[in-house]
Every structure is written in C-alpha cells, then in structure tokens.
Amino acid sequence: MQEEQIFFVQNYQIPSDETDLEKRYPIEYKTEYIDDNAEDILKIILEGFDAWNKGINGYNVWVTNNYDSTANSSSLDEKDRTRDEYIKEMEEP
C-alpha cells in the first residue's frame, strides 16, 4: 500500500488544462469541514500550490498578496525572515 502511494506521488502529472484546483491537486484524505473558514483556508492552500508550480515569480506574487509585509516565517535553519526577506532569498540563485 505504501509503495503504491509513493509511486503515485512520484509519477503524478499535474493536469495543465484543469482549472478546478481541487481536481488539479487531489486530496486523498480530506478532513470534513468544521466551519466556514475551512473552505477559505483550503482555497488559499490550493492557490499556493498552484502558484508554486507555476514558478518562483508567480509564487512570490502570491506570497505578496496573501501575507502582510510584517509577517515572519522560519524554516529548518530556524532563521526568522520577514515576507520581503523571504521573497528576496527565494529569488536568489
């Protein structure tokens, strides 16, 4: 079972002509929605996946549109970054 799931993930081809993001990025085990905000959160997550898969410039536009300039993020290196620092780092080769 686990090998089948790994094979699926490794070989999944994102359908370029699909406009429905829930079909474009299928969710195998979807949690039942608890409140009205869950639908909005799912939409933002799917739009983020879509922006990421279109390239760094599109993703950075998505980050700018969805995160306040004072937002901080951290990663495995445990370095806090502002939104703009994050975008700058993502653009560097």
PDB file of N, CA and C in Angstrom:
ATOM      1  N   MET A   1       0.828  -1.191   0.000  1.00  0.00           N
ATOM      2  CA  MET A   1       0.000   0.000   0.000  1.00  0.00           C
ATOM      3  C   MET A   1       0.875   1.258   0.000  1.00  0.00           C
ATOM      4  N   GLN A   2       1.867   1.314   0.890  1.00  0.00           N
ATOM      5  CA  GLN A   2       2.721   2.491   0.968  1.00  0.00           C
ATOM      6  C   GLN A   2       3.514   2.671  -0.325  1.00  0.00           C
ATOM      7  N   GLU A   3       3.994   1.579  -0.901  1.00  0.00           N
ATOM      8  CA  GLU A   3       4.747   1.654  -2.150  1.00  0.00           C
ATOM      9  C   GLU A   3       3.879   2.201  -3.279  1.00  0.00           C
ATOM     10  N   GLU A   4       2.605   1.814  -3.303  1.00  0.00           N
ATOM     11  CA  GLU A   4       1.679   2.322  -4.319  1.00  0.00           C
ATOM     12  C   GLU A   4       1.492   3.830  -4.173  1.00  0.00           C
ATOM     13  N   GLN A   5       1.377   4.303  -2.930  1.00  0.00           N
ATOM     14  CA  GLN A   5       1.202   5.734  -2.696  1.00  0.00           C
ATOM     15  C   GLN A   5       2.451   6.506  -3.093  1.00  0.00           C
ATOM     16  N   ILE A   6       3.619   5.978  -2.763  1.00  0.00           N
ATOM     17  CA  ILE A   6       4.869   6.636  -3.148  1.00  0.00           C
ATOM     18  C   ILE A   6       4.980   6.685  -4.663  1.00  0.00           C
ATOM     19  N   PHE A   7       4.643   5.587  -5.329  1.00  0.00           N
ATOM     20  CA  PHE A   7       4.687   5.554  -6.794  1.00  0.00           C
ATOM     21  C   PHE A   7       3.759   6.613  -7.383  1.00  0.00           C
ATOM     22  N   PHE A   8       2.547   6.731  -6.823  1.00  0.00           N
ATOM     23  CA  PHE A   8       1.588   7.714  -7.323  1.00  0.00           C
ATOM     24  C   PHE A   8       2.141   9.127  -7.187  1.00  0.00           C
ATOM     25  N   VAL A   9       2.682   9.459  -6.012  1.00  0.00           N
ATOM     26  CA  VAL A   9       3.198  10.802  -5.768  1.00  0.00           C
ATOM     27  C   VAL A   9       4.370  11.103  -6.691  1.00  0.00           C
ATOM     28  N   GLN A  10       5.270  10.149  -6.854  1.00  0.00           N
ATOM     29  CA  GLN A  10       6.452  10.357  -7.687  1.00  0.00           C
ATOM     30  C   GLN A  10       6.097  10.511  -9.162  1.00  0.00           C
ATOM     31  N   ASN A  11       5.013   9.902  -9.583  1.00  0.00           N
ATOM     32  CA  ASN A  11       4.669   9.889 -11.005  1.00  0.00           C
ATOM     33  C   ASN A  11       3.464  10.746 -11.366  1.00  0.00           C
ATOM     34  N   TYR A  12       2.909  11.467 -10.398  1.00  0.00           N
ATOM     35  CA  TYR A  12       1.732  12.284 -10.655  1.00  0.00           C
ATOM     36  C   TYR A  12       2.077  13.434 -11.595  1.00  0.00           C
ATOM     37  N   GLN A  13       1.305  13.573 -12.628  1.00  0.00           N
ATOM     38  CA  GLN A  13       1.468  14.672 -13.577  1.00  0.00           C
ATOM     39  C   GLN A  13       0.333  15.667 -13.350  1.00  0.00           C
ATOM     40  N   ILE A  14       0.684  16.901 -13.050  1.00  0.00           N
ATOM     41  CA  ILE A  14      -0.319  17.931 -12.821  1.00  0.00           C
ATOM     42  C   ILE A  14      -0.997  18.238 -14.157  1.00  0.00           C
ATOM     43  N   PRO A  15      -2.318  18.073 -14.238  1.00  0.00           N
ATOM     44  CA  PRO A  15      -3.014  18.349 -15.498  1.00  0.00           C
ATOM     45  C   PRO A  15      -3.026  19.847 -15.793  1.00  0.00           C
ATOM     46  N   SER A  16      -2.339  20.249 -16.837  1.00  0.00           N
ATOM     47  CA  SER A  16      -2.181  21.676 -17.136  1.00  0.00           C
ATOM     48  C   SER A  16      -3.470  22.341 -17.609  1.00  0.00           C
ATOM     49  N   ASP A  17      -4.406  21.568 -18.113  1.00  0.00           N
ATOM     50  CA  ASP A  17      -5.643  22.164 -18.634  1.00  0.00           C
ATOM     51  C   ASP A  17      -6.783  22.175 -17.613  1.00  0.00           C
ATOM     52  N   GLU A  18      -6.542  21.668 -16.410  1.00  0.00           N
ATOM     53  CA  GLU A  18      -7.588  21.615 -15.379  1.00  0.00           C
ATOM     54  C   GLU A  18      -7.624  22.939 -14.616  1.00  0.00           C
ATOM     55  N   THR A  19      -8.799  23.562 -14.563  1.00  0.00           N
ATOM     56  CA  THR A  19      -8.932  24.836 -13.857  1.00  0.00           C
ATOM     57  C   THR A  19      -9.464  24.669 -12.441  1.00  0.00           C
ATOM     58  N   ASP A  20     -10.107  23.548 -12.132  1.00  0.00           N
ATOM     59  CA  ASP A  20     -10.606  23.282 -10.787  1.00  0.00           C
ATOM     60  C   ASP A  20      -9.425  22.818  -9.936  1.00  0.00           C
ATOM     61  N   LEU A  21      -9.008  23.654  -8.983  1.00  0.00           N
ATOM     62  CA  LEU A  21      -7.806  23.355  -8.211  1.00  0.00           C
ATOM     63  C   LEU A  21      -7.944  22.092  -7.363  1.00  0.00           C
ATOM     64  N   GLU A  22      -9.146  21.761  -6.924  1.00  0.00           N
ATOM     65  CA  GLU A  22      -9.322  20.526  -6.139  1.00  0.00           C
ATOM     66  C   GLU A  22      -9.131  19.292  -7.014  1.00  0.00           C
ATOM     67  N   LYS A  23      -9.395  19.391  -8.307  1.00  0.00           N
ATOM     68  CA  LYS A  23      -9.124  18.288  -9.228  1.00  0.00           C
ATOM     69  C   LYS A  23      -7.669  18.302  -9.666  1.00  0.00           C
ATOM     70  N   ARG A  24      -7.110  19.490  -9.774  1.00  0.00           N
ATOM     71  CA  ARG A  24      -5.713  19.634 -10.190  1.00  0.00           C
ATOM     72  C   ARG A  24      -4.757  19.096  -9.124  1.00  0.00           C
ATOM     73  N   TYR A  25      -5.084  19.322  -7.850  1.00  0.00           N
ATOM     74  CA  TYR A  25      -4.287  18.862  -6.713  1.00  0.00           C
ATOM     75  C   TYR A  25      -5.178  18.006  -5.817  1.00  0.00           C
ATOM     76  N   PRO A  26      -5.385  16.747  -6.183  1.00  0.00           N
ATOM     77  CA  PRO A  26      -6.323  15.904  -5.426  1.00  0.00           C
ATOM     78  C   PRO A  26      -5.868  15.668  -3.987  1.00  0.00           C
ATOM     79  N   ILE A  27      -6.839  15.678  -3.095  1.00  0.00           N
ATOM     80  CA  ILE A  27      -6.579  15.439  -1.672  1.00  0.00           C
ATOM     81  C   ILE A  27      -7.117  14.046  -1.360  1.00  0.00           C
ATOM     82  N   GLU A  28      -6.217  13.169  -0.984  1.00  0.00           N
ATOM     83  CA  GLU A  28      -6.578  11.763  -0.750  1.00  0.00           C
ATOM     84  C   GLU A  28      -7.480  11.591   0.465  1.00  0.00           C
ATOM     85  N   TYR A  29      -7.093  12.168   1.580  1.00  0.00           N
ATOM     86  CA  TYR A  29      -7.855  12.005   2.824  1.00  0.00           C
ATOM     87  C   TYR A  29      -8.276  13.386   3.319  1.00  0.00           C
ATOM     88  N   LYS A  30      -9.390  13.843   2.826  1.00  0.00           N
ATOM     89  CA  LYS A  30      -9.863  15.192   3.125  1.00  0.00           C
ATOM     90  C   LYS A  30     -10.648  15.198   4.440  1.00  0.00           C
ATOM     91  N   THR A  31     -10.293  16.110   5.334  1.00  0.00           N
ATOM     92  CA  THR A  31     -10.993  16.266   6.605  1.00  0.00           C
ATOM     93  C   THR A  31     -12.327  16.955   6.363  1.00  0.00           C
ATOM     94  N   GLU A  32     -13.330  16.529   7.078  1.00  0.00           N
ATOM     95  CA  GLU A  32     -14.629  17.193   6.976  1.00  0.00           C
ATOM     96  C   GLU A  32     -14.490  18.629   7.469  1.00  0.00           C
ATOM     97  N   TYR A  33     -15.151  19.535   6.795  1.00  0.00           N
ATOM     98  CA  TYR A  33     -15.068  20.942   7.175  1.00  0.00           C
ATOM     99  C   TYR A  33     -15.743  21.183   8.518  1.00  0.00           C
ATOM    100  N   ILE A  34     -15.066  21.966   9.346  1.00  0.00           N
ATOM    101  CA  ILE A  34     -15.576  22.255  10.680  1.00  0.00           C
ATOM    102  C   ILE A  34     -16.391  23.540  10.676  1.00  0.00           C
ATOM    103  N   ASP A  35     -15.939  24.538   9.922  1.00  0.00           N
ATOM    104  CA  ASP A  35     -16.668  25.806   9.862  1.00  0.00           C
ATOM    105  C   ASP A  35     -16.478  26.450   8.489  1.00  0.00           C
ATOM    106  N   ASP A  36     -17.053  27.620   8.324  1.00  0.00           N
ATOM    107  CA  ASP A  36     -16.998  28.297   7.035  1.00  0.00           C
ATOM    108  C   ASP A  36     -15.581  28.729   6.649  1.00  0.00           C
ATOM    109  N   ASN A  37     -14.720  28.962   7.629  1.00  0.00           N
ATOM    110  CA  ASN A  37     -13.350  29.380   7.339  1.00  0.00           C
ATOM    111  C   ASN A  37     -12.537  28.278   6.668  1.00  0.00           C
ATOM    112  N   ALA A  38     -12.886  27.021   6.908  1.00  0.00           N
ATOM    113  CA  ALA A  38     -12.123  25.903   6.351  1.00  0.00           C
ATOM    114  C   ALA A  38     -12.112  25.951   4.824  1.00  0.00           C
ATOM    115  N   GLU A  39     -13.215  26.312   4.226  1.00  0.00           N
ATOM    116  CA  GLU A  39     -13.291  26.409   2.759  1.00  0.00           C
ATOM    117  C   GLU A  39     -12.334  27.487   2.246  1.00  0.00           C
ATOM    118  N   ASP A  40     -12.273  28.607   2.934  1.00  0.00           N
ATOM    119  CA  ASP A  40     -11.352  29.680   2.552  1.00  0.00           C
ATOM    120  C   ASP A  40      -9.897  29.262   2.718  1.00  0.00           C
ATOM    121  N   ILE A  41      -9.608  28.544   3.790  1.00  0.00           N
ATOM    122  CA  ILE A  41      -8.243  28.073   4.041  1.00  0.00           C
ATOM    123  C   ILE A  41      -7.819  27.089   2.958  1.00  0.00           C
ATOM    124  N   LEU A  42      -8.705  26.160   2.610  1.00  0.00           N
ATOM    125  CA  LEU A  42      -8.404  25.203   1.544  1.00  0.00           C
ATOM    126  C   LEU A  42      -8.123  25.923   0.234  1.00  0.00           C
ATOM    127  N   LYS A  43      -8.916  26.926  -0.076  1.00  0.00           N
ATOM    128  CA  LYS A  43      -8.722  27.691  -1.303  1.00  0.00           C
ATOM    129  C   LYS A  43      -7.343  28.353  -1.326  1.00  0.00           C
ATOM    130  N   ILE A  44      -6.940  28.961  -0.217  1.00  0.00           N
ATOM    131  CA  ILE A  44      -5.635  29.624  -0.148  1.00  0.00           C
ATOM    132  C   ILE A  44      -4.505  28.613  -0.311  1.00  0.00           C
ATOM    133  N   ILE A  45      -4.634  27.456   0.327  1.00  0.00           N
ATOM    134  CA  ILE A  45      -3.595  26.427   0.211  1.00  0.00           C
ATOM    135  C   ILE A  45      -3.477  25.939  -1.223  1.00  0.00           C
ATOM    136  N   LEU A  46      -4.605  25.652  -1.866  1.00  0.00           N
ATOM    137  CA  LEU A  46      -4.575  25.169  -3.250  1.00  0.00           C
ATOM    138  C   LEU A  46      -4.033  26.234  -4.197  1.00  0.00           C
ATOM    139  N   GLU A  47      -4.394  27.486  -3.958  1.00  0.00           N
ATOM    140  CA  GLU A  47      -3.856  28.566  -4.794  1.00  0.00           C
ATOM    141  C   GLU A  47      -2.341  28.698  -4.588  1.00  0.00           C
ATOM    142  N   GLY A  48      -1.873  28.462  -3.362  1.00  0.00           N
ATOM    143  CA  GLY A  48      -0.436  28.481  -3.091  1.00  0.00           C
ATOM    144  C   GLY A  48       0.297  27.371  -3.831  1.00  0.00           C
ATOM    145  N   PHE A  49      -0.265  26.150  -3.820  1.00  0.00           N
ATOM    146  CA  PHE A  49       0.330  25.043  -4.587  1.00  0.00           C
ATOM    147  C   PHE A  49       0.404  25.408  -6.061  1.00  0.00           C
ATOM    148  N   ASP A  50      -0.689  25.959  -6.562  1.00  0.00           N
ATOM    149  CA  ASP A  50      -0.749  26.313  -7.984  1.00  0.00           C
ATOM    150  C   ASP A  50       0.284  27.381  -8.324  1.00  0.00           C
ATOM    151  N   ALA A  51       0.404  28.392  -7.483  1.00  0.00           N
ATOM    152  CA  ALA A  51       1.386  29.456  -7.722  1.00  0.00           C
ATOM    153  C   ALA A  51       2.804  28.890  -7.678  1.00  0.00           C
ATOM    154  N   TRP A  52       3.089  28.030  -6.696  1.00  0.00           N
ATOM    155  CA  TRP A  52       4.420  27.422  -6.565  1.00  0.00           C
ATOM    156  C   TRP A  52       4.774  26.634  -7.829  1.00  0.00           C
ATOM    157  N   ASN A  53       3.815  25.890  -8.349  1.00  0.00           N
ATOM    158  CA  ASN A  53       4.071  25.055  -9.520  1.00  0.00           C
ATOM    159  C   ASN A  53       4.194  25.847 -10.818  1.00  0.00           C
ATOM    160  N   LYS A  54       3.857  27.114 -10.779  1.00  0.00           N
ATOM    161  CA  LYS A  54       3.993  27.963 -11.976  1.00  0.00           C
ATOM    162  C   LYS A  54       5.321  28.710 -11.989  1.00  0.00           C
ATOM    163  N   GLY A  55       6.119  28.576 -10.934  1.00  0.00           N
ATOM    164  CA  GLY A  55       7.428  29.224 -10.917  1.00  0.00           C
ATOM    165  C   GLY A  55       7.553  30.253  -9.815  1.00  0.00           C
ATOM    166  N   ILE A  56       8.783  30.624  -9.562  1.00  0.00           N
ATOM    167  CA  ILE A  56       9.077  31.484  -8.416  1.00  0.00           C
ATOM    168  C   ILE A  56       8.451  32.868  -8.523  1.00  0.00           C
ATOM    169  N   ASN A  57       8.400  33.435  -9.715  1.00  0.00           N
ATOM    170  CA  ASN A  57       7.822  34.776  -9.840  1.00  0.00           C
ATOM    171  C   ASN A  57       6.337  34.772  -9.492  1.00  0.00           C
ATOM    172  N   GLY A  58       5.619  33.794  -9.989  1.00  0.00           N
ATOM    173  CA  GLY A  58       4.197  33.686  -9.665  1.00  0.00           C
ATOM    174  C   GLY A  58       3.968  33.404  -8.195  1.00  0.00           C
ATOM    175  N   TYR A  59       4.843  32.573  -7.615  1.00  0.00           N
ATOM    176  CA  TYR A  59       4.713  32.265  -6.194  1.00  0.00           C
ATOM    177  C   TYR A  59       4.979  33.501  -5.343  1.00  0.00           C
ATOM    178  N   ASN A  60       5.973  34.278  -5.717  1.00  0.00           N
ATOM    179  CA  ASN A  60       6.270  35.484  -4.946  1.00  0.00           C
ATOM    180  C   ASN A  60       5.135  36.495  -5.016  1.00  0.00           C
ATOM    181  N   VAL A  61       4.457  36.570  -6.139  1.00  0.00           N
ATOM    182  CA  VAL A  61       3.270  37.435  -6.237  1.00  0.00           C
ATOM    183  C   VAL A  61       2.197  36.914  -5.284  1.00  0.00           C
ATOM    184  N   TRP A  62       2.010  35.603  -5.251  1.00  0.00           N
ATOM    185  CA  TRP A  62       1.019  35.004  -4.358  1.00  0.00           C
ATOM    186  C   TRP A  62       1.370  35.300  -2.895  1.00  0.00           C
ATOM    187  N   VAL A  63       2.649  35.153  -2.534  1.00  0.00           N
ATOM    188  CA  VAL A  63       3.085  35.446  -1.162  1.00  0.00           C
ATOM    189  C   VAL A  63       2.799  36.906  -0.823  1.00  0.00           C
ATOM    190  N   THR A  64       3.131  37.811  -1.738  1.00  0.00           N
ATOM    191  CA  THR A  64       2.903  39.237  -1.508  1.00  0.00           C
ATOM    192  C   THR A  64       1.421  39.531  -1.307  1.00  0.00           C
ATOM    193  N   ASN A  65       0.574  38.868  -2.063  1.00  0.00           N
ATOM    194  CA  ASN A  65      -0.866  39.103  -1.974  1.00  0.00           C
ATOM    195  C   ASN A  65      -1.511  38.462  -0.746  1.00  0.00           C
ATOM    196  N   ASN A  66      -0.880  37.435  -0.179  1.00  0.00           N
ATOM    197  CA  ASN A  66      -1.518  36.692   0.905  1.00  0.00           C
ATOM    198  C   ASN A  66      -0.879  36.883   2.271  1.00  0.00           C
ATOM    199  N   TYR A  67       0.273  37.524   2.323  1.00  0.00           N
ATOM    200  CA  TYR A  67       0.943  37.740   3.598  1.00  0.00           C
ATOM    201  C   TYR A  67       1.220  39.219   3.792  1.00  0.00           C
ATOM    202  N   ASP A  68       0.942  39.694   4.981  1.00  0.00           N
ATOM    203  CA  ASP A  68       1.239  41.068   5.362  1.00  0.00           C
ATOM    204  C   ASP A  68       2.750  41.275   5.354  1.00  0.00           C
ATOM    205  N   SER A  69       3.193  42.473   5.071  1.00  0.00           N
ATOM    206  CA  SER A  69       4.636  42.749   4.998  1.00  0.00           C
ATOM    207  C   SER A  69       5.339  42.549   6.337  1.00  0.00           C
ATOM    208  N   THR A  70       4.589  42.564   7.424  1.00  0.00           N
ATOM    209  CA  THR A  70       5.204  42.362   8.742  1.00  0.00           C
ATOM    210  C   THR A  70       5.225  40.888   9.155  1.00  0.00           C
ATOM    211  N   ALA A  71       4.701  40.014   8.309  1.00  0.00           N
ATOM    212  CA  ALA A  71       4.672  38.586   8.626  1.00  0.00           C
ATOM    213  C   ALA A  71       6.084  38.022   8.673  1.00  0.00           C
ATOM    214  N   ASN A  72       6.307  37.095   9.583  1.00  0.00           N
ATOM    215  CA  ASN A  72       7.594  36.417   9.693  1.00  0.00           C
ATOM    216  C   ASN A  72       7.407  34.948   9.381  1.00  0.00           C
ATOM    217  N   SER A  73       8.439  34.356   8.825  1.00  0.00           N
ATOM    218  CA  SER A  73       8.436  32.916   8.602  1.00  0.00           C
ATOM    219  C   SER A  73       9.761  32.367   9.095  1.00  0.00           C
ATOM    220  N   SER A  74       9.783  31.093   9.367  1.00  0.00           N
ATOM    221  CA  SER A  74      11.037  30.447   9.733  1.00  0.00           C
ATOM    222  C   SER A  74      11.068  29.098   9.025  1.00  0.00           C
ATOM    223  N   SER A  75      12.254  28.545   8.902  1.00  0.00           N
ATOM    224  CA  SER A  75      12.397  27.268   8.224  1.00  0.00           C
ATOM    225  C   SER A  75      13.316  26.376   9.030  1.00  0.00           C
ATOM    226  N   LEU A  76      13.766  25.323   8.418  1.00  0.00           N
ATOM    227  CA  LEU A  76      14.590  24.362   9.137  1.00  0.00           C
ATOM    228  C   LEU A  76      15.863  24.975   9.693  1.00  0.00           C
ATOM    229  N   ASP A  77      16.344  26.048   9.071  1.00  0.00           N
ATOM    230  CA  ASP A  77      17.554  26.675   9.606  1.00  0.00           C
ATOM    231  C   ASP A  77      17.236  27.592  10.785  1.00  0.00           C
ATOM    232  N   GLU A  78      15.953  27.666  11.148  1.00  0.00           N
ATOM    233  CA  GLU A  78      15.471  28.414  12.311  1.00  0.00           C
ATOM    234  C   GLU A  78      15.761  29.907  12.245  1.00  0.00           C
ATOM    235  N   LYS A  79      15.937  30.424  11.052  1.00  0.00           N
ATOM    236  CA  LYS A  79      16.163  31.854  10.875  1.00  0.00           C
ATOM    237  C   LYS A  79      14.828  32.526  10.556  1.00  0.00           C
ATOM    238  N   ASP A  80      14.445  33.485  11.371  1.00  0.00           N
ATOM    239  CA  ASP A  80      13.222  34.230  11.089  1.00  0.00           C
ATOM    240  C   ASP A  80      13.460  35.188   9.933  1.00  0.00           C
ATOM    241  N   ARG A  81      12.455  35.317   9.083  1.00  0.00           N
ATOM    242  CA  ARG A  81      12.537  36.210   7.936  1.00  0.00           C
ATOM    243  C   ARG A  81      11.241  36.992   7.818  1.00  0.00           C
ATOM    244  N   THR A  82      11.345  38.234   7.370  1.00  0.00           N
ATOM    245  CA  THR A  82      10.126  38.963   7.021  1.00  0.00           C
ATOM    246  C   THR A  82       9.659  38.452   5.665  1.00  0.00           C
ATOM    247  N   ARG A  83       8.457  38.807   5.308  1.00  0.00           N
ATOM    248  CA  ARG A  83       7.935  38.402   3.997  1.00  0.00           C
ATOM    249  C   ARG A  83       8.873  38.837   2.886  1.00  0.00           C
ATOM    250  N   ASP A  84       9.334  40.087   2.930  1.00  0.00           N
ATOM    251  CA  ASP A  84      10.182  40.599   1.860  1.00  0.00           C
ATOM    252  C   ASP A  84      11.564  39.946   1.846  1.00  0.00           C
ATOM    253  N   GLU A  85      12.101  39.620   3.017  1.00  0.00           N
ATOM    254  CA  GLU A  85      13.374  38.884   3.065  1.00  0.00           C
ATOM    255  C   GLU A  85      13.214  37.494   2.465  1.00  0.00           C
ATOM    256  N   TYR A  86      12.098  36.867   2.769  1.00  0.00           N
ATOM    257  CA  TYR A  86      11.817  35.547   2.230  1.00  0.00           C
ATOM    258  C   TYR A  86      11.764  35.587   0.695  1.00  0.00           C
ATOM    259  N   ILE A  87      11.035  36.558   0.168  1.00  0.00           N
ATOM    260  CA  ILE A  87      10.911  36.680  -1.278  1.00  0.00           C
ATOM    261  C   ILE A  87      12.292  36.928  -1.907  1.00  0.00           C
ATOM    262  N   LYS A  88      13.079  37.793  -1.295  1.00  0.00           N
ATOM    263  CA  LYS A  88      14.411  38.084  -1.827  1.00  0.00           C
ATOM    264  C   LYS A  88      15.265  36.808  -1.849  1.00  0.00           C
ATOM    265  N   GLU A  89      15.233  36.038  -0.768  1.00  0.00           N
ATOM    266  CA  GLU A  89      16.001  34.793  -0.723  1.00  0.00           C
ATOM    267  C   GLU A  89      15.526  33.799  -1.780  1.00  0.00           C
ATOM    268  N   MET A  90      14.234  33.746  -2.005  1.00  0.00           N
ATOM    269  CA  MET A  90      13.697  32.818  -2.999  1.00  0.00           C
ATOM    270  C   MET A  90      14.142  33.200  -4.406  1.00  0.00           C
ATOM    271  N   GLU A  91      14.348  34.487  -4.652  1.00  0.00           N
ATOM    272  CA  GLU A  91      14.749  34.951  -5.977  1.00  0.00           C
ATOM    273  C   GLU A  91      16.233  34.765  -6.241  1.00  0.00           C
ATOM    274  N   GLU A  92      17.032  34.618  -5.173  1.00  0.00           N
ATOM    275  CA  GLU A  92      18.485  34.469  -5.344  1.00  0.00           C
ATOM    276  C   GLU A  92      18.799  33.074  -5.869  1.00  0.00           C
ATOM    277  N   PRO A  93      19.812  32.983  -6.773  1.00  0.00           N
ATOM    278  CA  PRO A  93      20.161  31.657  -7.317  1.00  0.00           C
ATOM    279  C   PRO A  93      20.830  30.756  -6.305  1.00  0.00           C
TER     280      PRO A  93
END
